Every structure is written in C-alpha cells, then in structure tokens.
Protein backbone atom coordinates (compact mmCIF):
# COMPACT_ATOMS: atom_id res chain seq x y z
CA MET A 1 -10.70 43.02 6.97
CA ILE A 2 -9.66 40.01 4.87
CA ASP A 3 -6.86 37.83 6.26
CA THR A 4 -4.44 37.40 3.28
CA ARG A 5 -2.10 35.02 5.07
CA PRO A 6 -2.25 31.42 3.66
CA GLU A 7 -2.69 28.58 6.16
CA MET A 8 0.31 26.30 6.59
CA THR A 9 1.67 23.67 8.85
CA HIS A 10 5.08 24.22 10.48
CA ALA A 11 6.55 21.81 8.02
CA GLN A 12 5.02 23.47 5.02
CA PHE A 13 6.24 26.83 6.17
CA ALA A 14 9.76 25.59 6.56
CA THR A 15 9.76 24.14 3.08
CA ALA A 16 8.20 27.32 1.63
CA ALA A 17 10.67 29.60 3.38
CA ALA A 18 13.64 27.90 1.67
CA TYR A 19 12.09 27.10 -1.72
CA ALA A 20 13.72 28.60 -4.86
CA TYR A 21 13.79 27.39 -8.46
CA GLU A 22 17.23 26.00 -9.39
CA GLY A 23 19.45 28.78 -10.64
CA HIS A 24 16.96 31.45 -9.63
CA TRP A 25 16.71 33.92 -6.74
CA LEU A 26 14.61 33.01 -3.68
CA THR A 27 11.52 35.27 -3.81
CA GLY A 28 8.74 33.47 -1.82
CA GLU A 29 6.23 34.58 -4.30
CA GLU A 30 4.92 31.13 -5.09
CA SER A 31 4.17 30.17 -1.46
CA PHE A 32 3.20 33.45 -0.01
CA LEU A 33 1.76 35.61 -2.75
CA HIS A 34 0.49 33.42 -5.51
CA VAL A 35 -2.12 31.73 -3.16
CA PRO A 36 -5.87 32.06 -3.07
CA ALA A 37 -5.79 34.00 0.19
CA VAL A 38 -3.91 36.83 -1.41
CA MET A 39 -5.23 36.61 -4.96
CA GLN A 40 -8.93 36.70 -3.94
CA VAL A 41 -8.33 40.42 -3.02
CA ASP A 42 -9.21 42.75 -5.97
CA GLY A 43 -6.10 44.87 -6.83
CA TRP A 44 -3.80 42.82 -4.66
CA ASN A 45 -0.93 43.19 -7.00
CA ILE A 46 -1.31 46.85 -7.86
CA TYR A 47 0.69 49.30 -5.74
CA GLY A 48 -1.39 52.21 -4.58
CA HIS A 49 -4.59 50.15 -4.85
CA SER A 50 -6.70 49.66 -1.74
CA GLY A 51 -6.52 45.90 -2.39
CA ASN A 52 -2.71 45.98 -2.16
CA ASP A 53 -3.03 47.90 1.07
CA GLN A 54 -4.82 44.99 2.68
CA LEU A 55 -1.74 42.76 2.44
CA THR A 56 0.68 42.58 5.39
CA GLU A 57 3.76 44.64 4.93
CA PRO A 58 5.95 41.53 4.75
CA GLN A 59 3.77 40.34 1.92
CA ARG A 60 4.33 43.65 0.10
CA VAL A 61 7.99 43.50 0.80
CA LEU A 62 8.22 40.05 -0.89
CA MET A 63 6.03 41.33 -3.70
CA MET A 64 8.30 44.38 -4.45
CA TRP A 65 11.38 42.15 -4.13
CA SER A 66 9.80 39.61 -6.60
CA ASP A 67 8.91 42.42 -9.00
CA LEU A 68 12.48 43.66 -8.78
CA VAL A 69 13.75 40.17 -9.59
CA GLY A 70 11.28 39.75 -12.49
CA GLN A 71 11.98 43.15 -14.13
CA THR A 72 15.76 43.13 -13.64
CA SER A 73 16.20 39.56 -14.86
CA ASN A 74 14.21 40.51 -17.93
CA GLY A 75 15.36 43.91 -18.87
CA GLY A 76 17.74 45.28 -16.23
CA PHE A 77 17.43 47.69 -13.41
CA THR A 78 16.32 50.59 -15.66
CA GLN A 79 13.39 48.50 -16.83
CA PHE A 80 12.32 48.15 -13.19
CA MET A 81 12.53 51.86 -12.67
CA ASP A 82 10.63 52.66 -15.87
CA ASN A 83 7.81 50.19 -15.23
CA TYR A 84 7.40 51.11 -11.55
CA ALA A 85 7.75 54.72 -11.97
CA SER A 86 4.60 55.42 -10.08
CA ALA A 87 5.70 53.42 -7.03
CA LEU A 88 9.40 54.25 -6.74
CA ALA A 89 9.22 55.82 -3.26
CA LEU A 90 7.39 52.75 -1.99
CA ALA A 91 9.91 50.41 -3.76
CA HIS A 92 12.84 52.08 -2.13
CA ARG A 93 11.17 51.79 1.46
CA LEU A 94 10.17 48.05 1.01
CA VAL A 95 13.47 46.81 -0.49
CA ALA A 96 15.23 48.45 2.48
CA LYS A 97 13.18 46.33 4.84
CA LEU A 98 14.59 43.09 3.46
CA GLY A 99 17.61 43.52 5.64
CA TRP A 100 20.19 42.55 2.93
CA PRO A 101 22.97 45.09 3.28
CA GLU A 102 24.75 44.61 0.02
CA LEU A 103 21.51 44.55 -2.03
CA PHE A 104 20.27 47.81 -0.54
CA GLU A 105 23.60 49.54 -0.88
CA ARG A 106 23.70 48.75 -4.55
CA PHE A 107 20.04 49.26 -5.09
CA ASP A 108 20.14 52.68 -3.36
CA LEU A 109 23.13 53.79 -5.46
CA ALA A 110 21.45 52.84 -8.72
CA PHE A 111 18.06 54.25 -7.66
CA ARG A 112 19.48 57.61 -6.79
CA GLU A 113 21.36 57.67 -10.16
CA GLN A 114 18.07 56.96 -11.99
CA ALA A 115 15.53 58.86 -9.92
CA GLY A 116 17.17 61.05 -7.44
CA ASP A 117 15.95 61.64 -3.87
CA PRO A 118 14.02 58.42 -2.73
CA ARG A 119 11.65 60.71 -0.88
CA ASN A 120 10.62 62.45 -4.06
CA PRO A 121 11.80 60.26 -6.96
CA LYS A 122 11.50 61.59 -10.52
CA ARG A 123 11.89 58.98 -13.25
CA ARG A 124 12.35 61.16 -16.20
CA LEU A 125 15.30 62.26 -18.23
CA GLU A 126 15.84 65.93 -17.79
CA PRO A 127 15.54 67.94 -21.05
CA TRP A 128 17.93 70.57 -22.36
CA GLY A 129 16.08 73.76 -22.99
CA PRO A 130 12.60 74.43 -21.39
CA ASP A 131 12.43 72.96 -17.84
CA ASP A 132 9.03 74.26 -17.05
CA ASP A 133 6.65 71.32 -16.44
CA ALA A 134 3.78 73.08 -18.30
CA ALA A 135 5.97 73.72 -21.32
CA TRP A 136 7.21 70.13 -21.44
CA ALA A 137 3.62 68.81 -21.00
CA ALA A 138 2.52 70.92 -24.00
CA ASN A 139 5.44 69.66 -26.00
CA ARG A 140 4.55 66.00 -25.07
CA GLU A 141 1.00 66.57 -26.13
CA ARG A 142 2.10 67.97 -29.46
CA MET A 143 4.27 64.91 -30.19
CA ILE A 144 1.44 62.49 -29.27
CA ARG A 145 -1.00 64.39 -31.48
CA ARG A 146 1.36 64.43 -34.41
CA LEU A 147 2.43 60.75 -34.06
CA ALA A 148 -1.21 59.71 -33.65
CA LEU A 149 -2.22 61.60 -36.82
CA HIS A 150 0.67 59.94 -38.79
CA HIS A 151 0.02 56.44 -37.51
CA THR A 152 -3.76 56.61 -38.35
CA ARG A 153 -3.75 58.90 -41.42
CA TRP A 154 -6.16 56.58 -43.31
CA ARG A 155 -7.98 55.31 -40.23
CA PRO A 156 -9.26 58.32 -38.36
CA TRP A 157 -11.59 56.14 -36.39
CA ALA A 158 -8.56 54.55 -34.68
CA ARG A 159 -7.01 57.80 -33.58
CA ARG A 160 -8.27 57.86 -30.08
CA ARG A 161 -7.01 54.25 -29.46
CA GLU A 162 -3.68 55.21 -31.01
CA ARG A 163 -3.42 58.22 -28.65
CA ALA A 164 -4.11 56.01 -25.56
CA VAL A 165 -1.30 53.64 -26.67
CA LEU A 166 1.11 56.46 -27.21
CA GLU A 167 0.26 58.15 -23.81
CA ARG A 168 1.70 55.04 -22.01
CA PHE A 169 5.16 55.49 -23.45
CA THR A 170 8.01 57.59 -21.66
CA ASP A 171 9.08 61.03 -22.74
CA THR A 172 12.32 59.53 -24.07
CA ILE A 173 10.43 57.03 -26.42
CA LEU A 174 7.99 59.61 -27.68
CA ASN A 175 10.82 62.13 -28.40
CA THR A 176 12.79 59.36 -30.26
CA TRP A 177 9.91 58.28 -32.36
CA TYR A 178 8.97 61.87 -33.27
CA ASN A 179 12.44 62.78 -34.26
CA GLN A 180 12.79 59.57 -36.39
CA SER A 181 9.55 60.36 -38.15
CA VAL A 182 10.82 63.95 -38.83
CA GLU A 183 14.14 62.55 -40.18
CA ARG A 184 12.23 60.14 -42.54
CA GLY A 185 10.02 63.00 -43.84
CA GLU A 186 6.90 61.31 -42.37
CA ILE A 187 6.16 64.32 -40.19
CA ILE A 188 6.85 67.97 -41.12
CA PRO A 189 8.13 69.77 -38.03
CA ASP A 190 6.34 72.89 -36.95
CA ASP A 191 7.76 76.00 -35.36
CA GLU A 192 7.95 74.54 -31.94
CA PRO A 193 11.28 72.78 -31.31
CA THR A 194 11.32 69.28 -30.00
CA THR A 195 13.07 68.90 -26.69
CA GLU A 196 16.36 67.06 -26.81
CA PHE A 197 17.37 64.72 -23.98
CA GLU A 198 20.74 64.41 -22.33
CA PRO A 199 21.47 60.66 -21.85
CA ALA A 200 20.98 59.61 -18.24
CA PRO A 201 23.90 58.06 -16.53
CA THR A 202 23.71 54.29 -16.20
CA GLU A 203 26.97 53.28 -14.44
CA ALA A 204 25.31 52.42 -11.07
CA ALA A 205 22.40 50.72 -12.91
CA GLU A 206 24.72 48.59 -15.02
CA ALA A 207 26.72 47.70 -11.99
CA PHE A 208 23.67 46.57 -10.12
CA ASP A 209 22.75 44.36 -13.01
CA ASP A 210 26.17 42.72 -13.18
CA TRP A 211 26.08 42.05 -9.42
CA PHE A 212 22.40 40.94 -9.43
CA HIS A 213 22.95 38.25 -12.14
CA SER A 214 25.87 36.64 -10.47
CA ASP A 215 25.68 33.10 -8.97
CA GLU A 216 26.86 34.58 -5.69
CA THR A 217 23.83 36.98 -5.50
CA ARG A 218 21.43 34.16 -6.31
CA ALA A 219 22.95 32.19 -3.55
CA ALA A 220 22.88 35.15 -1.15
CA SER A 221 19.17 35.56 -1.81
CA ARG A 222 18.57 32.03 -0.35
CA ILE A 223 20.11 33.34 2.90
CA PHE A 224 18.87 36.85 3.29
CA VAL A 225 15.36 36.46 1.85
CA ARG A 226 14.89 33.11 3.75
CA ASP A 227 15.93 34.91 6.88
CA TYR A 228 13.38 37.76 6.20
CA ILE A 229 10.64 35.12 5.76
CA LEU A 230 11.55 33.32 8.94
CA ARG A 231 11.61 36.59 10.97
CA HIS A 232 8.15 37.52 9.69
CA ARG A 233 6.46 34.13 9.78
CA ASP A 234 3.31 35.25 11.53
CA ASP A 235 2.72 38.06 9.01
CA LEU A 236 3.18 35.71 6.06
CA CYS A 237 1.12 32.69 7.11
CA ARG A 238 -1.39 31.24 9.68
CA LEU A 239 -0.01 28.11 11.32
CA SER A 240 -2.43 25.24 11.56
CA ASP A 241 -0.53 22.99 13.92
C-alpha cells in the first residue's frame, strides 16, 4: 500500500494548514494534494478509481472540498452537480465530514433540491411525459443519432467521434440542441415526440452561490477547514521532526 501522505516538519505543517491565496477559500490542496506522494498514484484524482481509494479519507475530504470550491467559483453549485453527477453520494458524505455546520446546512439544502435523496441522488431533470427509463434512453439515443448525422452530413468518417462527443452531454443540453435544430429546419422531426423538460428549481442552489461567494464565507473557510486539517494531521502528512 502506497503512503500518500507528504513528509513535513511541524513548522511546515503549521504553515500549510493555514495557507490560502489572498481573497480565496482555504482548501489545503496545494500542500496536501498537489504533491508527489499523492500525484504518483494513477487515478488519484478520479472518484471511484482504485487510485483515489488509496488516499486517506481526510485527503479525499479536502479533494472534494477543493472540487466544490473550483466548480462553484467557476460556474455555480449546479455546475458542480452536473460535473460530479457520478460521485454525488460520495460528495455529500465527504462534505459533511468537514465539520462546518453552516456550509453543510446550505450544501445539503441545495443538494436535495438538485438531486434528491443523498443516499440515491439522481442528477437529471424529470421529463414530462414518458417516465420509463428505457423509453427515455431510446429517446436520448434517437437525438444523439439525428444530431450526429446533421453535424457530420458531409463528413461521415467523423460520425463516430461526433457521437462520442454528444454522449458526454446532459439530457437537457441534448434536448435543447435537438429542438433548436428542428426549429431552424435543420432536422425534420420524426413521429416520436421529443421529451420536454420542466425547469428544475434553483432557489437553494442560487442561495448557496450567494453565500459561498461572500467575504464572510471565505474568511470562515480559514477557520473551519484549518481546524479540520489540524484535527487530521496524521492522516494528511508524515512528521519528520
């Protein structure tokens, strides 16, 4: 088993535990994650990968917190939920372990708004009409096929690559693109109706964004995240003195 904890002196640890870029949230990623001891592990930064499982739980807590910071500061809470759809149950569990009451209260509220039960989260807007998973999968496949055909009409050799690109997008994006292409006359609709989507509520997610980007929250991260790092020192580093 590889030891993923970086080696530090007491003084180095104390500095690392409190370090944050000016005007940013304290994450600990530079000192405890972006280090050779961690990055030497294949798949260290992929949730669900055996390499990520080799990290200590406090390392994974800081990683998920850092990812939440990065995604939310870039595109908001809903971007985090979209981009980490395959790891949402893990995200909910790890964020809870930070021990930051207000963060988790707001995170949990927005999480349930966007994905439902944390034990079985489902990051997908519910369609009006057919609610059978098989029926929706067939509808999604039809949209991918029609869009790929349209985008590569004169380049059939690129169709497989175009399908691979389209398959990475959410149901909502595919549905929007398909409908726009139909409205522009680029795609002639067939007899199968395209599923319409009811807009998902975003009140809690937007409230989380407003709170998250405040100066008070950045300052609070320097207290709560630092305290978490201090409590889990031996799982985050190996002391050399």
